C-alpha atoms as a PDB file:
ATOM      1  CA  MET A   1      33.273  24.347  23.544  1.00  0.00           C
ATOM      2  CA  LYS A   2      30.054  23.157  25.070  1.00  0.00           C
ATOM      3  CA  ILE A   3      26.794  22.791  23.134  1.00  0.00           C
ATOM      4  CA  SER A   4      23.508  22.525  24.922  1.00  0.00           C
ATOM      5  CA  PHE A   5      19.882  23.146  24.255  1.00  0.00           C
ATOM      6  CA  GLU A   6      16.720  23.422  26.201  1.00  0.00           C
ATOM      7  CA  THR A   7      13.135  22.698  25.148  1.00  0.00           C
ATOM      8  CA  ARG A   8       9.750  23.321  26.681  1.00  0.00           C
ATOM      9  CA  GLY A   9       6.412  21.767  25.886  1.00  0.00           C
ATOM     10  CA  ASN A  10       5.869  18.496  24.151  1.00  0.00           C
ATOM     11  CA  PHE A  11       5.962  16.904  20.783  1.00  0.00           C
ATOM     12  CA  LYS A  12       2.134  16.600  20.451  1.00  0.00           C
ATOM     13  CA  HIS A  13       1.899  18.542  17.223  1.00  0.00           C
ATOM     14  CA  ILE A  14       4.732  16.716  15.481  1.00  0.00           C
ATOM     15  CA  GLU A  15       3.359  13.363  16.643  1.00  0.00           C
ATOM     16  CA  GLU A  16      -0.066  14.259  15.226  1.00  0.00           C
ATOM     17  CA  PHE A  17       1.638  15.264  11.930  1.00  0.00           C
ATOM     18  CA  PHE A  18       3.476  11.978  11.667  1.00  0.00           C
ATOM     19  CA  GLN A  19       0.295  10.045  12.531  1.00  0.00           C
ATOM     20  CA  LYS A  20      -1.614  11.869   9.779  1.00  0.00           C
ATOM     21  CA  MET A  21       1.177  11.118   7.274  1.00  0.00           C
ATOM     22  CA  LYS A  22       1.175   7.422   8.280  1.00  0.00           C
ATOM     23  CA  ASP A  23      -2.652   7.335   8.041  1.00  0.00           C
ATOM     24  CA  HIS A  24      -2.532   9.018   4.611  1.00  0.00           C
ATOM     25  CA  ARG A  25      -0.121   6.396   3.276  1.00  0.00           C
ATOM     26  CA  LEU A  26      -2.317   3.647   4.702  1.00  0.00           C
ATOM     27  CA  VAL A  27      -5.454   5.157   3.141  1.00  0.00           C
ATOM     28  CA  LYS A  28      -3.706   5.284  -0.261  1.00  0.00           C
ATOM     29  CA  THR A  29      -2.781   1.613   0.149  1.00  0.00           C
ATOM     30  CA  LEU A  30      -6.322   0.680   1.113  1.00  0.00           C
ATOM     31  CA  ASP A  31      -7.673   2.721  -1.797  1.00  0.00           C
ATOM     32  CA  LYS A  32      -5.446   0.846  -4.204  1.00  0.00           C
ATOM     33  CA  TYR A  33      -6.647  -2.546  -2.874  1.00  0.00           C
ATOM     34  CA  GLY A  34     -10.234  -1.395  -2.679  1.00  0.00           C
ATOM     35  CA  LYS A  35     -10.142  -0.786  -6.439  1.00  0.00           C
ATOM     36  CA  ALA A  36      -8.352  -4.119  -7.037  1.00  0.00           C
ATOM     37  CA  GLY A  37     -10.997  -5.897  -4.990  1.00  0.00           C
ATOM     38  CA  VAL A  38     -13.824  -4.276  -7.000  1.00  0.00           C
ATOM     39  CA  ASP A  39     -12.152  -5.442 -10.224  1.00  0.00           C
ATOM     40  CA  ALA A  40     -11.608  -8.975  -8.917  1.00  0.00           C
ATOM     41  CA  LEU A  41     -15.205  -9.303  -7.597  1.00  0.00           C
ATOM     42  CA  ALA A  42     -16.727  -7.837 -10.753  1.00  0.00           C
ATOM     43  CA  SER A  43     -14.853 -10.209 -12.951  1.00  0.00           C
ATOM     44  CA  ALA A  44     -15.712 -13.251 -10.829  1.00  0.00           C
ATOM     45  CA  THR A  45     -19.421 -12.437 -10.392  1.00  0.00           C
ATOM     46  CA  PRO A  46     -21.764 -14.781 -12.341  1.00  0.00           C
ATOM     47  CA  VAL A  47     -23.287 -12.813 -15.145  1.00  0.00           C
ATOM     48  CA  ASP A  48     -26.935 -12.860 -16.273  1.00  0.00           C
ATOM     49  CA  THR A  49     -27.704  -9.197 -16.857  1.00  0.00           C
ATOM     50  CA  GLY A  50     -24.360  -7.926 -15.535  1.00  0.00           C
ATOM     51  CA  LEU A  51     -26.045  -5.691 -12.971  1.00  0.00           C
ATOM     52  CA  THR A  52     -24.612  -7.494  -9.943  1.00  0.00           C
ATOM     53  CA  ALA A  53     -21.084  -7.568 -11.423  1.00  0.00           C
ATOM     54  CA  SER A  54     -21.222  -3.838 -12.184  1.00  0.00           C
ATOM     55  CA  SER A  55     -22.600  -2.995  -8.679  1.00  0.00           C
ATOM     56  CA  TRP A  56     -19.464  -3.666  -6.682  1.00  0.00           C
ATOM     57  CA  GLY A  57     -17.911  -0.801  -4.747  1.00  0.00           C
ATOM     58  CA  TYR A  58     -15.835  -0.186  -1.661  1.00  0.00           C
ATOM     59  CA  GLU A  59     -15.640   2.115   1.298  1.00  0.00           C
ATOM     60  CA  ILE A  60     -12.760   2.999   3.598  1.00  0.00           C
ATOM     61  CA  HIS A  61     -13.790   3.522   7.186  1.00  0.00           C
ATOM     62  CA  ASP A  62     -11.587   5.230   9.749  1.00  0.00           C
ATOM     63  CA  ASP A  63     -13.046   5.634  13.233  1.00  0.00           C
ATOM     64  CA  GLY A  64      -9.886   7.016  14.749  1.00  0.00           C
ATOM     65  CA  ASN A  65      -8.915   3.645  16.286  1.00  0.00           C
ATOM     66  CA  THR A  66      -9.234   1.289  13.361  1.00  0.00           C
ATOM     67  CA  ILE A  67      -9.191   1.708   9.648  1.00  0.00           C
ATOM     68  CA  GLY A  68     -10.466  -0.774   7.066  1.00  0.00           C
ATOM     69  CA  VAL A  69     -11.741  -1.335   3.603  1.00  0.00           C
ATOM     70  CA  TYR A  70     -15.188  -2.803   3.029  1.00  0.00           C
ATOM     71  CA  TRP A  71     -16.498  -4.080  -0.267  1.00  0.00           C
ATOM     72  CA  THR A  72     -20.114  -3.450  -1.099  1.00  0.00           C
ATOM     73  CA  ASN A  73     -22.625  -4.493  -3.735  1.00  0.00           C
ATOM     74  CA  SER A  74     -25.583  -2.219  -4.350  1.00  0.00           C
ATOM     75  CA  ASN A  75     -27.721  -4.570  -6.424  1.00  0.00           C
ATOM     76  CA  VAL A  76     -30.683  -5.143  -4.114  1.00  0.00           C
ATOM     77  CA  ASN A  77     -34.059  -6.639  -5.157  1.00  0.00           C
ATOM     78  CA  ASN A  78     -36.956  -6.700  -2.702  1.00  0.00           C
ATOM     79  CA  GLY A  79     -34.552  -5.902   0.158  1.00  0.00           C
ATOM     80  CA  VAL A  80     -32.260  -8.818  -0.669  1.00  0.00           C
ATOM     81  CA  ASN A  81     -28.679  -8.390  -1.871  1.00  0.00           C
ATOM     82  CA  ILE A  82     -28.331 -10.353  -5.079  1.00  0.00           C
ATOM     83  CA  ALA A  83     -24.577 -10.892  -4.593  1.00  0.00           C
ATOM     84  CA  VAL A  84     -25.376 -12.682  -1.359  1.00  0.00           C
ATOM     85  CA  LEU A  85     -28.034 -14.862  -3.063  1.00  0.00           C
ATOM     86  CA  LEU A  86     -25.500 -15.839  -5.745  1.00  0.00           C
ATOM     87  CA  GLN A  87     -22.903 -16.688  -3.108  1.00  0.00           C
ATOM     88  CA  TYR A  88     -25.067 -18.680  -0.667  1.00  0.00           C
ATOM     89  CA  GLY A  89     -28.036 -19.810  -2.727  1.00  0.00           C
ATOM     90  CA  HIS A  90     -31.717 -19.186  -2.234  1.00  0.00           C
ATOM     91  CA  GLY A  91     -35.161 -20.650  -2.339  1.00  0.00           C
ATOM     92  CA  THR A  92     -37.476 -20.019  -5.280  1.00  0.00           C
ATOM     93  CA  GLY A  93     -41.086 -18.901  -5.211  1.00  0.00           C
ATOM     94  CA  THR A  94     -42.158 -22.353  -6.425  1.00  0.00           C
ATOM     95  CA  GLY A  95     -40.495 -24.341  -3.649  1.00  0.00           C
ATOM     96  CA  GLY A  96     -37.230 -25.039  -5.439  1.00  0.00           C
ATOM     97  CA  TYR A  97     -33.716 -24.136  -4.403  1.00  0.00           C
ATOM     98  CA  VAL A  98     -30.922 -22.496  -6.385  1.00  0.00           C
ATOM     99  CA  GLN A  99     -27.534 -23.709  -5.146  1.00  0.00           C
ATOM    100  CA  GLY A 100     -25.059 -20.928  -4.233  1.00  0.00           C
ATOM    101  CA  ARG A 101     -21.643 -20.601  -5.884  1.00  0.00           C
ATOM    102  CA  ASP A 102     -18.635 -19.518  -3.829  1.00  0.00           C
ATOM    103  CA  TYR A 103     -17.250 -16.824  -6.174  1.00  0.00           C
ATOM    104  CA  ILE A 104     -16.463 -14.096  -3.648  1.00  0.00           C
ATOM    105  CA  ASN A 105     -13.812 -15.849  -1.488  1.00  0.00           C
ATOM    106  CA  PRO A 106     -11.644 -17.132  -4.395  1.00  0.00           C
ATOM    107  CA  ALA A 107     -11.805 -13.738  -6.096  1.00  0.00           C
ATOM    108  CA  ILE A 108     -10.945 -11.601  -3.082  1.00  0.00           C
ATOM    109  CA  GLN A 109      -8.340 -13.897  -1.401  1.00  0.00           C
ATOM    110  CA  PRO A 110      -5.421 -12.807  -3.692  1.00  0.00           C
ATOM    111  CA  VAL A 111      -6.351  -9.190  -2.979  1.00  0.00           C
ATOM    112  CA  PHE A 112      -6.262  -9.870   0.789  1.00  0.00           C
ATOM    113  CA  ASP A 113      -2.881 -11.599   0.495  1.00  0.00           C
ATOM    114  CA  ALA A 114      -1.319  -8.773  -1.549  1.00  0.00           C
ATOM    115  CA  MET A 115      -2.841  -6.143   0.734  1.00  0.00           C
ATOM    116  CA  ALA A 116      -1.542  -7.869   3.866  1.00  0.00           C
ATOM    117  CA  ASP A 117       1.969  -8.078   2.410  1.00  0.00           C
ATOM    118  CA  ASP A 118       1.936  -4.420   1.284  1.00  0.00           C
ATOM    119  CA  ILE A 119       0.594  -3.109   4.616  1.00  0.00           C
ATOM    120  CA  TRP A 120       3.047  -5.229   6.600  1.00  0.00           C
ATOM    121  CA  LYS A 121       5.921  -3.729   4.569  1.00  0.00           C
ATOM    122  CA  GLU A 122       4.462  -0.262   5.167  1.00  0.00           C
ATOM    123  CA  VAL A 123       4.174  -0.765   8.935  1.00  0.00           C
ATOM    124  CA  THR A 124       7.601  -2.422   9.385  1.00  0.00           C
ATOM    125  CA  SER A 125       9.504   0.113   7.185  1.00  0.00           C
ATOM    126  CA  SER A 126       8.512   3.081   9.370  1.00  0.00           C
END
């Protein structure tokens, strides 16, 4: 008994399907860590009124070649992002200087580490 088969065409559609499934899993992972990053940044932000701490958000960008998560802070005063002023410091209107406080990097580093581990597992398990 002999078994044979013949196929025509290509696997373009199935390859596109698998790529979308992979991308969907990656987006879910980035979404999870986007939320975790917002929580970490909000809890680490120095609080006066709480507006800057409550203004953290994130966006997932996918341009077809690269995909990434970006954390944002929407608290802007006179065109200046307040989260950046808190991080790096700023001059005052009377000639003084307010020293910055590195609160972003220590807060977000554990999220980066966990995200890198999780994505590495996702990529290598496929």
